[in-house]
Amino acid sequence: MDNTKVFMKVGDSAKLFPAMVKEEHYTCCSEPGGKYLWHFTPEKDDIKKPAEIVADNIVNCLKERNIDQTLKAIGGDSTNTNTGWQGGGGHAVDRAKDWEEAGLDCL
């Protein structure tokens, strides 16, 4: 979670006011070399689990870049969203993409 500076409307006012909100930010890179691929901030959803939202973003972006079929592995840190015992990001990516061999390796 990062503190992100934003401008927000307050009430019925058309005026924007500076504010600070907590948001998750994900940056995706290729290895070796750490080449930047893309980044995203997951939208909140009342139905899907956070891990499913992250997985959807990752799988969609892989498909858009035509690298979903050549991907060897996915790595991530050990936050609960990525490794949660009730289906973290690795499990959600596996299910969304129907990969049996490429799980989320926690680095």
PDB file of N, CA and C in Angstrom:
ATOM      1  N   MET A   1       0.841  -1.177   0.000  1.00  0.00           N
ATOM      2  CA  MET A   1       0.000   0.000   0.000  1.00  0.00           C
ATOM      3  C   MET A   1       0.882   1.235   0.000  1.00  0.00           C
ATOM      4  N   ASP A   2       0.570   2.140  -0.885  1.00  0.00           N
ATOM      5  CA  ASP A   2       1.297   3.402  -0.978  1.00  0.00           C
ATOM      6  C   ASP A   2       0.338   4.556  -0.733  1.00  0.00           C
ATOM      7  N   ASN A   3       0.883   5.641  -0.195  1.00  0.00           N
ATOM      8  CA  ASN A   3       0.119   6.877  -0.118  1.00  0.00           C
ATOM      9  C   ASN A   3       0.231   7.566  -1.468  1.00  0.00           C
ATOM     10  N   THR A   4      -0.901   7.850  -2.095  1.00  0.00           N
ATOM     11  CA  THR A   4      -0.938   8.437  -3.426  1.00  0.00           C
ATOM     12  C   THR A   4      -1.648   9.774  -3.366  1.00  0.00           C
ATOM     13  N   LYS A   5      -1.015  10.802  -3.931  1.00  0.00           N
ATOM     14  CA  LYS A   5      -1.641  12.129  -3.984  1.00  0.00           C
ATOM     15  C   LYS A   5      -2.668  12.144  -5.106  1.00  0.00           C
ATOM     16  N   VAL A   6      -3.876  12.603  -4.779  1.00  0.00           N
ATOM     17  CA  VAL A   6      -4.962  12.686  -5.751  1.00  0.00           C
ATOM     18  C   VAL A   6      -5.706  13.999  -5.556  1.00  0.00           C
ATOM     19  N   PHE A   7      -6.553  14.334  -6.514  1.00  0.00           N
ATOM     20  CA  PHE A   7      -7.491  15.435  -6.368  1.00  0.00           C
ATOM     21  C   PHE A   7      -8.883  14.828  -6.322  1.00  0.00           C
ATOM     22  N   MET A   8      -9.675  15.221  -5.320  1.00  0.00           N
ATOM     23  CA  MET A   8     -11.006  14.639  -5.131  1.00  0.00           C
ATOM     24  C   MET A   8     -12.054  15.733  -5.009  1.00  0.00           C
ATOM     25  N   LYS A   9     -13.252  15.396  -5.485  1.00  0.00           N
ATOM     26  CA  LYS A   9     -14.399  16.269  -5.268  1.00  0.00           C
ATOM     27  C   LYS A   9     -14.933  16.008  -3.873  1.00  0.00           C
ATOM     28  N   VAL A  10     -15.402  17.058  -3.225  1.00  0.00           N
ATOM     29  CA  VAL A  10     -15.994  16.920  -1.893  1.00  0.00           C
ATOM     30  C   VAL A  10     -17.439  17.378  -1.968  1.00  0.00           C
ATOM     31  N   GLY A  11     -18.354  16.488  -1.628  1.00  0.00           N
ATOM     32  CA  GLY A  11     -19.776  16.819  -1.649  1.00  0.00           C
ATOM     33  C   GLY A  11     -20.245  17.170  -3.052  1.00  0.00           C
ATOM     34  N   ASP A  12     -21.054  18.211  -3.145  1.00  0.00           N
ATOM     35  CA  ASP A  12     -21.612  18.647  -4.431  1.00  0.00           C
ATOM     36  C   ASP A  12     -20.728  19.674  -5.125  1.00  0.00           C
ATOM     37  N   SER A  13     -19.608  20.007  -4.541  1.00  0.00           N
ATOM     38  CA  SER A  13     -18.716  21.017  -5.093  1.00  0.00           C
ATOM     39  C   SER A  13     -18.089  20.518  -6.397  1.00  0.00           C
ATOM     40  N   ALA A  14     -17.926  21.435  -7.341  1.00  0.00           N
ATOM     41  CA  ALA A  14     -17.249  21.098  -8.592  1.00  0.00           C
ATOM     42  C   ALA A  14     -15.745  21.270  -8.443  1.00  0.00           C
ATOM     43  N   LYS A  15     -15.343  21.814  -7.314  1.00  0.00           N
ATOM     44  CA  LYS A  15     -13.933  22.084  -7.061  1.00  0.00           C
ATOM     45  C   LYS A  15     -13.214  20.802  -6.626  1.00  0.00           C
ATOM     46  N   LEU A  16     -11.960  20.671  -7.052  1.00  0.00           N
ATOM     47  CA  LEU A  16     -11.135  19.531  -6.669  1.00  0.00           C
ATOM     48  C   LEU A  16     -10.191  19.940  -5.547  1.00  0.00           C
ATOM     49  N   PHE A  17     -10.055  19.050  -4.571  1.00  0.00           N
ATOM     50  CA  PHE A  17      -9.199  19.321  -3.423  1.00  0.00           C
ATOM     51  C   PHE A  17      -8.111  18.255  -3.346  1.00  0.00           C
ATOM     52  N   PRO A  18      -6.888  18.655  -2.975  1.00  0.00           N
ATOM     53  CA  PRO A  18      -5.827  17.659  -2.844  1.00  0.00           C
ATOM     54  C   PRO A  18      -6.093  16.740  -1.660  1.00  0.00           C
ATOM     55  N   ALA A  19      -5.783  15.471  -1.839  1.00  0.00           N
ATOM     56  CA  ALA A  19      -5.982  14.484  -0.776  1.00  0.00           C
ATOM     57  C   ALA A  19      -4.939  13.383  -0.929  1.00  0.00           C
ATOM     58  N   MET A  20      -4.855  12.543   0.078  1.00  0.00           N
ATOM     59  CA  MET A  20      -3.948  11.403   0.066  1.00  0.00           C
ATOM     60  C   MET A  20      -4.789  10.152   0.269  1.00  0.00           C
ATOM     61  N   VAL A  21      -4.629   9.160  -0.617  1.00  0.00           N
ATOM     62  CA  VAL A  21      -5.350   7.896  -0.483  1.00  0.00           C
ATOM     63  C   VAL A  21      -4.336   6.754  -0.471  1.00  0.00           C
ATOM     64  N   LYS A  22      -4.707   5.653   0.166  1.00  0.00           N
ATOM     65  CA  LYS A  22      -3.859   4.463   0.161  1.00  0.00           C
ATOM     66  C   LYS A  22      -4.282   3.582  -1.008  1.00  0.00           C
ATOM     67  N   GLU A  23      -3.317   3.239  -1.863  1.00  0.00           N
ATOM     68  CA  GLU A  23      -3.579   2.396  -3.020  1.00  0.00           C
ATOM     69  C   GLU A  23      -2.485   1.349  -3.150  1.00  0.00           C
ATOM     70  N   GLU A  24      -2.858   0.229  -3.746  1.00  0.00           N
ATOM     71  CA  GLU A  24      -1.861  -0.775  -4.096  1.00  0.00           C
ATOM     72  C   GLU A  24      -1.375  -0.471  -5.508  1.00  0.00           C
ATOM     73  N   HIS A  25      -0.095  -0.606  -5.716  1.00  0.00           N
ATOM     74  CA  HIS A  25       0.499  -0.403  -7.033  1.00  0.00           C
ATOM     75  C   HIS A  25       1.311  -1.636  -7.384  1.00  0.00           C
ATOM     76  N   TYR A  26       1.116  -2.166  -8.577  1.00  0.00           N
ATOM     77  CA  TYR A  26       1.849  -3.326  -9.050  1.00  0.00           C
ATOM     78  C   TYR A  26       2.654  -2.931 -10.278  1.00  0.00           C
ATOM     79  N   THR A  27       3.909  -3.300 -10.289  1.00  0.00           N
ATOM     80  CA  THR A  27       4.785  -3.086 -11.432  1.00  0.00           C
ATOM     81  C   THR A  27       5.242  -4.454 -11.914  1.00  0.00           C
ATOM     82  N   CYS A  28       5.137  -4.689 -13.197  1.00  0.00           N
ATOM     83  CA  CYS A  28       5.517  -5.978 -13.772  1.00  0.00           C
ATOM     84  C   CYS A  28       6.740  -5.789 -14.660  1.00  0.00           C
ATOM     85  N   CYS A  29       7.731  -6.634 -14.436  1.00  0.00           N
ATOM     86  CA  CYS A  29       9.004  -6.577 -15.157  1.00  0.00           C
ATOM     87  C   CYS A  29       9.340  -7.954 -15.696  1.00  0.00           C
ATOM     88  N   SER A  30      10.184  -7.981 -16.725  1.00  0.00           N
ATOM     89  CA  SER A  30      10.681  -9.263 -17.224  1.00  0.00           C
ATOM     90  C   SER A  30      12.068  -9.498 -16.654  1.00  0.00           C
ATOM     91  N   GLU A  31      12.418 -10.740 -16.503  1.00  0.00           N
ATOM     92  CA  GLU A  31      13.741 -11.130 -16.017  1.00  0.00           C
ATOM     93  C   GLU A  31      14.354 -12.108 -17.001  1.00  0.00           C
ATOM     94  N   PRO A  32      15.642 -12.144 -17.140  1.00  0.00           N
ATOM     95  CA  PRO A  32      16.617 -11.335 -16.421  1.00  0.00           C
ATOM     96  C   PRO A  32      16.662  -9.908 -16.963  1.00  0.00           C
ATOM     97  N   GLY A  33      17.167  -9.029 -16.154  1.00  0.00           N
ATOM     98  CA  GLY A  33      17.383  -7.646 -16.565  1.00  0.00           C
ATOM     99  C   GLY A  33      16.417  -6.645 -15.982  1.00  0.00           C
ATOM    100  N   GLY A  34      15.272  -7.092 -15.499  1.00  0.00           N
ATOM    101  CA  GLY A  34      14.318  -6.189 -14.877  1.00  0.00           C
ATOM    102  C   GLY A  34      13.676  -5.197 -15.829  1.00  0.00           C
ATOM    103  N   LYS A  35      13.477  -5.567 -17.094  1.00  0.00           N
ATOM    104  CA  LYS A  35      12.859  -4.666 -18.078  1.00  0.00           C
ATOM    105  C   LYS A  35      11.407  -4.386 -17.685  1.00  0.00           C
ATOM    106  N   TYR A  36      11.056  -3.105 -17.607  1.00  0.00           N
ATOM    107  CA  TYR A  36       9.691  -2.685 -17.262  1.00  0.00           C
ATOM    108  C   TYR A  36       8.726  -3.117 -18.357  1.00  0.00           C
ATOM    109  N   LEU A  37       7.610  -3.738 -17.962  1.00  0.00           N
ATOM    110  CA  LEU A  37       6.573  -4.129 -18.908  1.00  0.00           C
ATOM    111  C   LEU A  37       5.332  -3.257 -18.775  1.00  0.00           C
ATOM    112  N   TRP A  38       4.786  -3.160 -17.570  1.00  0.00           N
ATOM    113  CA  TRP A  38       3.592  -2.352 -17.324  1.00  0.00           C
ATOM    114  C   TRP A  38       3.374  -2.233 -15.832  1.00  0.00           C
ATOM    115  N   HIS A  39       2.402  -1.406 -15.477  1.00  0.00           N
ATOM    116  CA  HIS A  39       2.008  -1.281 -14.070  1.00  0.00           C
ATOM    117  C   HIS A  39       0.496  -1.110 -14.005  1.00  0.00           C
ATOM    118  N   PHE A  40      -0.058  -1.371 -12.840  1.00  0.00           N
ATOM    119  CA  PHE A  40      -1.490  -1.172 -12.667  1.00  0.00           C
ATOM    120  C   PHE A  40      -1.824  -0.955 -11.204  1.00  0.00           C
ATOM    121  N   THR A  41      -2.968  -0.356 -10.980  1.00  0.00           N
ATOM    122  CA  THR A  41      -3.544  -0.185  -9.652  1.00  0.00           C
ATOM    123  C   THR A  41      -4.877  -0.922  -9.685  1.00  0.00           C
ATOM    124  N   PRO A  42      -5.025  -1.994  -8.922  1.00  0.00           N
ATOM    125  CA  PRO A  42      -6.267  -2.775  -8.979  1.00  0.00           C
ATOM    126  C   PRO A  42      -7.478  -1.959  -8.510  1.00  0.00           C
ATOM    127  N   GLU A  43      -8.549  -2.088  -9.247  1.00  0.00           N
ATOM    128  CA  GLU A  43      -9.808  -1.447  -8.859  1.00  0.00           C
ATOM    129  C   GLU A  43     -10.454  -2.251  -7.736  1.00  0.00           C
ATOM    130  N   LYS A  44     -11.187  -1.577  -6.878  1.00  0.00           N
ATOM    131  CA  LYS A  44     -11.900  -2.280  -5.810  1.00  0.00           C
ATOM    132  C   LYS A  44     -13.133  -2.962  -6.401  1.00  0.00           C
ATOM    133  N   ASP A  45     -13.468  -4.115  -5.854  1.00  0.00           N
ATOM    134  CA  ASP A  45     -14.602  -4.898  -6.340  1.00  0.00           C
ATOM    135  C   ASP A  45     -15.249  -5.568  -5.139  1.00  0.00           C
ATOM    136  N   ASP A  46     -16.564  -5.467  -5.035  1.00  0.00           N
ATOM    137  CA  ASP A  46     -17.273  -6.057  -3.898  1.00  0.00           C
ATOM    138  C   ASP A  46     -17.486  -7.562  -4.054  1.00  0.00           C
ATOM    139  N   ILE A  47     -17.302  -8.087  -5.249  1.00  0.00           N
ATOM    140  CA  ILE A  47     -17.575  -9.496  -5.500  1.00  0.00           C
ATOM    141  C   ILE A  47     -16.287 -10.319  -5.547  1.00  0.00           C
ATOM    142  N   LYS A  48     -15.292  -9.844  -6.280  1.00  0.00           N
ATOM    143  CA  LYS A  48     -14.052 -10.596  -6.446  1.00  0.00           C
ATOM    144  C   LYS A  48     -13.096 -10.377  -5.279  1.00  0.00           C
ATOM    145  N   LYS A  49     -12.295 -11.403  -5.002  1.00  0.00           N
ATOM    146  CA  LYS A  49     -11.234 -11.291  -4.004  1.00  0.00           C
ATOM    147  C   LYS A  49     -10.107 -10.435  -4.585  1.00  0.00           C
ATOM    148  N   PRO A  50      -9.327  -9.747  -3.731  1.00  0.00           N
ATOM    149  CA  PRO A  50      -8.210  -8.938  -4.241  1.00  0.00           C
ATOM    150  C   PRO A  50      -7.264  -9.735  -5.137  1.00  0.00           C
ATOM    151  N   ALA A  51      -6.988 -10.986  -4.771  1.00  0.00           N
ATOM    152  CA  ALA A  51      -6.085 -11.813  -5.579  1.00  0.00           C
ATOM    153  C   ALA A  51      -6.661 -12.065  -6.975  1.00  0.00           C
ATOM    154  N   GLU A  52      -7.961 -12.213  -7.090  1.00  0.00           N
ATOM    155  CA  GLU A  52      -8.589 -12.435  -8.393  1.00  0.00           C
ATOM    156  C   GLU A  52      -8.485 -11.186  -9.263  1.00  0.00           C
ATOM    157  N   ILE A  53      -8.609 -10.020  -8.655  1.00  0.00           N
ATOM    158  CA  ILE A  53      -8.494  -8.760  -9.398  1.00  0.00           C
ATOM    159  C   ILE A  53      -7.077  -8.603  -9.931  1.00  0.00           C
ATOM    160  N   VAL A  54      -6.081  -8.886  -9.083  1.00  0.00           N
ATOM    161  CA  VAL A  54      -4.681  -8.811  -9.505  1.00  0.00           C
ATOM    162  C   VAL A  54      -4.423  -9.814 -10.622  1.00  0.00           C
ATOM    163  N   ALA A  55      -4.904 -11.040 -10.459  1.00  0.00           N
ATOM    164  CA  ALA A  55      -4.713 -12.081 -11.482  1.00  0.00           C
ATOM    165  C   ALA A  55      -5.342 -11.674 -12.806  1.00  0.00           C
ATOM    166  N   ASP A  56      -6.545 -11.125 -12.782  1.00  0.00           N
ATOM    167  CA  ASP A  56      -7.201 -10.686 -14.013  1.00  0.00           C
ATOM    168  C   ASP A  56      -6.359  -9.637 -14.731  1.00  0.00           C
ATOM    169  N   ASN A  57      -5.816  -8.669 -13.973  1.00  0.00           N
ATOM    170  CA  ASN A  57      -4.961  -7.635 -14.570  1.00  0.00           C
ATOM    171  C   ASN A  57      -3.725  -8.253 -15.211  1.00  0.00           C
ATOM    172  N   ILE A  58      -3.092  -9.185 -14.515  1.00  0.00           N
ATOM    173  CA  ILE A  58      -1.877  -9.812 -15.032  1.00  0.00           C
ATOM    174  C   ILE A  58      -2.175 -10.627 -16.284  1.00  0.00           C
ATOM    175  N   VAL A  59      -3.182 -11.490 -16.226  1.00  0.00           N
ATOM    176  CA  VAL A  59      -3.507 -12.353 -17.368  1.00  0.00           C
ATOM    177  C   VAL A  59      -3.924 -11.520 -18.577  1.00  0.00           C
ATOM    178  N   ASN A  60      -4.751 -10.501 -18.374  1.00  0.00           N
ATOM    179  CA  ASN A  60      -5.185  -9.654 -19.492  1.00  0.00           C
ATOM    180  C   ASN A  60      -4.003  -8.952 -20.151  1.00  0.00           C
ATOM    181  N   CYS A  61      -3.089  -8.456 -19.327  1.00  0.00           N
ATOM    182  CA  CYS A  61      -1.935  -7.762 -19.877  1.00  0.00           C
ATOM    183  C   CYS A  61      -1.004  -8.717 -20.620  1.00  0.00           C
ATOM    184  N   LEU A  62      -0.828  -9.930 -20.099  1.00  0.00           N
ATOM    185  CA  LEU A  62      -0.014 -10.927 -20.790  1.00  0.00           C
ATOM    186  C   LEU A  62      -0.616 -11.265 -22.149  1.00  0.00           C
ATOM    187  N   LYS A  63      -1.938 -11.405 -22.193  1.00  0.00           N
ATOM    188  CA  LYS A  63      -2.615 -11.713 -23.457  1.00  0.00           C
ATOM    189  C   LYS A  63      -2.479 -10.559 -24.448  1.00  0.00           C
ATOM    190  N   GLU A  64      -2.644  -9.309 -23.973  1.00  0.00           N
ATOM    191  CA  GLU A  64      -2.536  -8.138 -24.855  1.00  0.00           C
ATOM    192  C   GLU A  64      -1.158  -8.047 -25.493  1.00  0.00           C
ATOM    193  N   ARG A  65      -0.119  -8.483 -24.768  1.00  0.00           N
ATOM    194  CA  ARG A  65       1.253  -8.406 -25.257  1.00  0.00           C
ATOM    195  C   ARG A  65       1.710  -9.707 -25.936  1.00  0.00           C
ATOM    196  N   ASN A  66       0.792 -10.662 -26.063  1.00  0.00           N
ATOM    197  CA  ASN A  66       1.077 -11.956 -26.698  1.00  0.00           C
ATOM    198  C   ASN A  66       2.259 -12.682 -26.054  1.00  0.00           C
ATOM    199  N   ILE A  67       2.360 -12.599 -24.732  1.00  0.00           N
ATOM    200  CA  ILE A  67       3.414 -13.340 -24.039  1.00  0.00           C
ATOM    201  C   ILE A  67       2.835 -14.378 -23.088  1.00  0.00           C
ATOM    202  N   ASP A  68       1.531 -14.553 -23.136  1.00  0.00           N
ATOM    203  CA  ASP A  68       0.894 -15.510 -22.224  1.00  0.00           C
ATOM    204  C   ASP A  68       1.241 -16.962 -22.566  1.00  0.00           C
ATOM    205  N   GLN A  69       1.588 -17.244 -23.799  1.00  0.00           N
ATOM    206  CA  GLN A  69       1.911 -18.617 -24.184  1.00  0.00           C
ATOM    207  C   GLN A  69       3.389 -18.961 -23.994  1.00  0.00           C
ATOM    208  N   THR A  70       4.236 -17.950 -23.850  1.00  0.00           N
ATOM    209  CA  THR A  70       5.679 -18.202 -23.727  1.00  0.00           C
ATOM    210  C   THR A  70       6.193 -17.990 -22.315  1.00  0.00           C
ATOM    211  N   LEU A  71       5.343 -17.598 -21.415  1.00  0.00           N
ATOM    212  CA  LEU A  71       5.743 -17.312 -20.038  1.00  0.00           C
ATOM    213  C   LEU A  71       6.225 -18.581 -19.341  1.00  0.00           C
ATOM    214  N   LYS A  72       7.346 -18.489 -18.662  1.00  0.00           N
ATOM    215  CA  LYS A  72       7.921 -19.646 -17.961  1.00  0.00           C
ATOM    216  C   LYS A  72       7.543 -19.656 -16.483  1.00  0.00           C
ATOM    217  N   ALA A  73       7.509 -18.501 -15.833  1.00  0.00           N
ATOM    218  CA  ALA A  73       7.196 -18.422 -14.402  1.00  0.00           C
ATOM    219  C   ALA A  73       6.767 -17.010 -14.058  1.00  0.00           C
ATOM    220  N   ILE A  74       6.113 -16.881 -12.928  1.00  0.00           N
ATOM    221  CA  ILE A  74       5.707 -15.585 -12.400  1.00  0.00           C
ATOM    222  C   ILE A  74       6.246 -15.505 -10.980  1.00  0.00           C
ATOM    223  N   GLY A  75       6.833 -14.381 -10.629  1.00  0.00           N
ATOM    224  CA  GLY A  75       7.362 -14.200  -9.278  1.00  0.00           C
ATOM    225  C   GLY A  75       6.682 -13.037  -8.599  1.00  0.00           C
ATOM    226  N   GLY A  76       6.717 -13.047  -7.299  1.00  0.00           N
ATOM    227  CA  GLY A  76       6.124 -11.948  -6.538  1.00  0.00           C
ATOM    228  C   GLY A  76       6.625 -11.987  -5.111  1.00  0.00           C
ATOM    229  N   ASP A  77       6.328 -10.953  -4.363  1.00  0.00           N
ATOM    230  CA  ASP A  77       6.743 -10.950  -2.962  1.00  0.00           C
ATOM    231  C   ASP A  77       5.780 -11.795  -2.135  1.00  0.00           C
ATOM    232  N   SER A  78       5.999 -11.842  -0.854  1.00  0.00           N
ATOM    233  CA  SER A  78       5.230 -12.761  -0.011  1.00  0.00           C
ATOM    234  C   SER A  78       4.066 -12.097   0.708  1.00  0.00           C
ATOM    235  N   THR A  79       3.462 -11.068   0.100  1.00  0.00           N
ATOM    236  CA  THR A  79       2.291 -10.460   0.717  1.00  0.00           C
ATOM    237  C   THR A  79       1.117 -11.436   0.666  1.00  0.00           C
ATOM    238  N   ASN A  80       0.162 -11.249   1.552  1.00  0.00           N
ATOM    239  CA  ASN A  80      -0.977 -12.148   1.641  1.00  0.00           C
ATOM    240  C   ASN A  80      -1.772 -12.199   0.335  1.00  0.00           C
ATOM    241  N   THR A  81      -1.864 -11.070  -0.373  1.00  0.00           N
ATOM    242  CA  THR A  81      -2.587 -11.062  -1.643  1.00  0.00           C
ATOM    243  C   THR A  81      -1.946 -12.028  -2.632  1.00  0.00           C
ATOM    244  N   ASN A  82      -0.630 -12.150  -2.589  1.00  0.00           N
ATOM    245  CA  ASN A  82       0.078 -13.030  -3.525  1.00  0.00           C
ATOM    246  C   ASN A  82       0.114 -14.482  -3.074  1.00  0.00           C
ATOM    247  N   THR A  83       0.192 -14.721  -1.768  1.00  0.00           N
ATOM    248  CA  THR A  83       0.427 -16.080  -1.280  1.00  0.00           C
ATOM    249  C   THR A  83      -0.659 -16.604  -0.351  1.00  0.00           C
ATOM    250  N   GLY A  84      -1.756 -15.891  -0.212  1.00  0.00           N
ATOM    251  CA  GLY A  84      -2.796 -16.240   0.751  1.00  0.00           C
ATOM    252  C   GLY A  84      -3.192 -17.702   0.740  1.00  0.00           C
ATOM    253  N   TRP A  85      -3.389 -18.257   1.907  1.00  0.00           N
ATOM    254  CA  TRP A  85      -3.690 -19.684   2.034  1.00  0.00           C
ATOM    255  C   TRP A  85      -5.046 -20.055   1.462  1.00  0.00           C
ATOM    256  N   GLN A  86      -5.930 -19.068   1.273  1.00  0.00           N
ATOM    257  CA  GLN A  86      -7.243 -19.365   0.682  1.00  0.00           C
ATOM    258  C   GLN A  86      -7.289 -18.941  -0.778  1.00  0.00           C
ATOM    259  N   GLY A  87      -6.176 -18.980  -1.442  1.00  0.00           N
ATOM    260  CA  GLY A  87      -6.160 -18.634  -2.865  1.00  0.00           C
ATOM    261  C   GLY A  87      -5.554 -17.276  -3.104  1.00  0.00           C
ATOM    262  N   GLY A  88      -4.239 -17.191  -3.053  1.00  0.00           N
ATOM    263  CA  GLY A  88      -3.536 -15.950  -3.347  1.00  0.00           C
ATOM    264  C   GLY A  88      -3.450 -15.723  -4.845  1.00  0.00           C
ATOM    265  N   GLY A  89      -2.666 -14.724  -5.224  1.00  0.00           N
ATOM    266  CA  GLY A  89      -2.529 -14.354  -6.626  1.00  0.00           C
ATOM    267  C   GLY A  89      -2.042 -15.481  -7.509  1.00  0.00           C
ATOM    268  N   GLY A  90      -1.114 -16.281  -7.008  1.00  0.00           N
ATOM    269  CA  GLY A  90      -0.595 -17.397  -7.805  1.00  0.00           C
ATOM    270  C   GLY A  90      -1.677 -18.370  -8.193  1.00  0.00           C
ATOM    271  N   HIS A  91      -2.498 -18.733  -7.244  1.00  0.00           N
ATOM    272  CA  HIS A  91      -3.604 -19.652  -7.508  1.00  0.00           C
ATOM    273  C   HIS A  91      -4.609 -19.012  -8.465  1.00  0.00           C
ATOM    274  N   ALA A  92      -4.884 -17.726  -8.248  1.00  0.00           N
ATOM    275  CA  ALA A  92      -5.860 -17.034  -9.101  1.00  0.00           C
ATOM    276  C   ALA A  92      -5.355 -16.918 -10.536  1.00  0.00           C
ATOM    277  N   VAL A  93      -4.046 -16.662 -10.723  1.00  0.00           N
ATOM    278  CA  VAL A  93      -3.490 -16.605 -12.077  1.00  0.00           C
ATOM    279  C   VAL A  93      -3.575 -17.982 -12.715  1.00  0.00           C
ATOM    280  N   ASP A  94      -3.219 -19.025 -11.979  1.00  0.00           N
ATOM    281  CA  ASP A  94      -3.321 -20.391 -12.502  1.00  0.00           C
ATOM    282  C   ASP A  94      -4.731 -20.687 -12.985  1.00  0.00           C
ATOM    283  N   ARG A  95      -5.726 -20.329 -12.178  1.00  0.00           N
ATOM    284  CA  ARG A  95      -7.124 -20.605 -12.537  1.00  0.00           C
ATOM    285  C   ARG A  95      -7.575 -19.749 -13.707  1.00  0.00           C
ATOM    286  N   ALA A  96      -7.190 -18.466 -13.708  1.00  0.00           N
ATOM    287  CA  ALA A  96      -7.624 -17.556 -14.769  1.00  0.00           C
ATOM    288  C   ALA A  96      -7.024 -17.959 -16.117  1.00  0.00           C
ATOM    289  N   LYS A  97      -5.801 -18.438 -16.110  1.00  0.00           N
ATOM    290  CA  LYS A  97      -5.105 -18.787 -17.342  1.00  0.00           C
ATOM    291  C   LYS A  97      -5.148 -20.274 -17.614  1.00  0.00           C
ATOM    292  N   ASP A  98      -5.563 -21.064 -16.635  1.00  0.00           N
ATOM    293  CA  ASP A  98      -5.599 -22.516 -16.736  1.00  0.00           C
ATOM    294  C   ASP A  98      -4.199 -23.084 -16.952  1.00  0.00           C
ATOM    295  N   TRP A  99      -3.236 -22.536 -16.209  1.00  0.00           N
ATOM    296  CA  TRP A  99      -1.873 -23.050 -16.219  1.00  0.00           C
ATOM    297  C   TRP A  99      -1.750 -24.054 -15.103  1.00  0.00           C
ATOM    298  N   GLU A 100      -1.173 -25.168 -15.377  1.00  0.00           N
ATOM    299  CA  GLU A 100      -0.923 -26.148 -14.316  1.00  0.00           C
ATOM    300  C   GLU A 100       0.520 -26.098 -13.857  1.00  0.00           C
ATOM    301  N   GLU A 101       1.435 -25.683 -14.737  1.00  0.00           N
ATOM    302  CA  GLU A 101       2.840 -25.733 -14.407  1.00  0.00           C
ATOM    303  C   GLU A 101       3.402 -24.404 -13.933  1.00  0.00           C
ATOM    304  N   ALA A 102       2.878 -23.285 -14.404  1.00  0.00           N
ATOM    305  CA  ALA A 102       3.447 -21.982 -14.046  1.00  0.00           C
ATOM    306  C   ALA A 102       2.687 -21.395 -12.865  1.00  0.00           C
ATOM    307  N   GLY A 103       3.192 -21.633 -11.679  1.00  0.00           N
ATOM    308  CA  GLY A 103       2.585 -21.064 -10.475  1.00  0.00           C
ATOM    309  C   GLY A 103       3.281 -19.781 -10.094  1.00  0.00           C
ATOM    310  N   LEU A 104       2.813 -19.152  -9.062  1.00  0.00           N
ATOM    311  CA  LEU A 104       3.433 -17.928  -8.582  1.00  0.00           C
ATOM    312  C   LEU A 104       4.550 -18.314  -7.629  1.00  0.00           C
ATOM    313  N   ASP A 105       5.782 -18.144  -8.075  1.00  0.00           N
ATOM    314  CA  ASP A 105       6.940 -18.426  -7.233  1.00  0.00           C
ATOM    315  C   ASP A 105       7.223 -17.206  -6.389  1.00  0.00           C
ATOM    316  N   CYS A 106       7.208 -17.372  -5.091  1.00  0.00           N
ATOM    317  CA  CYS A 106       7.469 -16.256  -4.196  1.00  0.00           C
ATOM    318  C   CYS A 106       8.956 -16.069  -4.045  1.00  0.00           C
ATOM    319  N   LEU A 107       9.452 -14.944  -4.493  1.00  0.00           N
ATOM    320  CA  LEU A 107      10.886 -14.681  -4.470  1.00  0.00           C
ATOM    321  C   LEU A 107      11.239 -13.816  -3.287  1.00  0.00           C
TER     322      LEU A 107
END
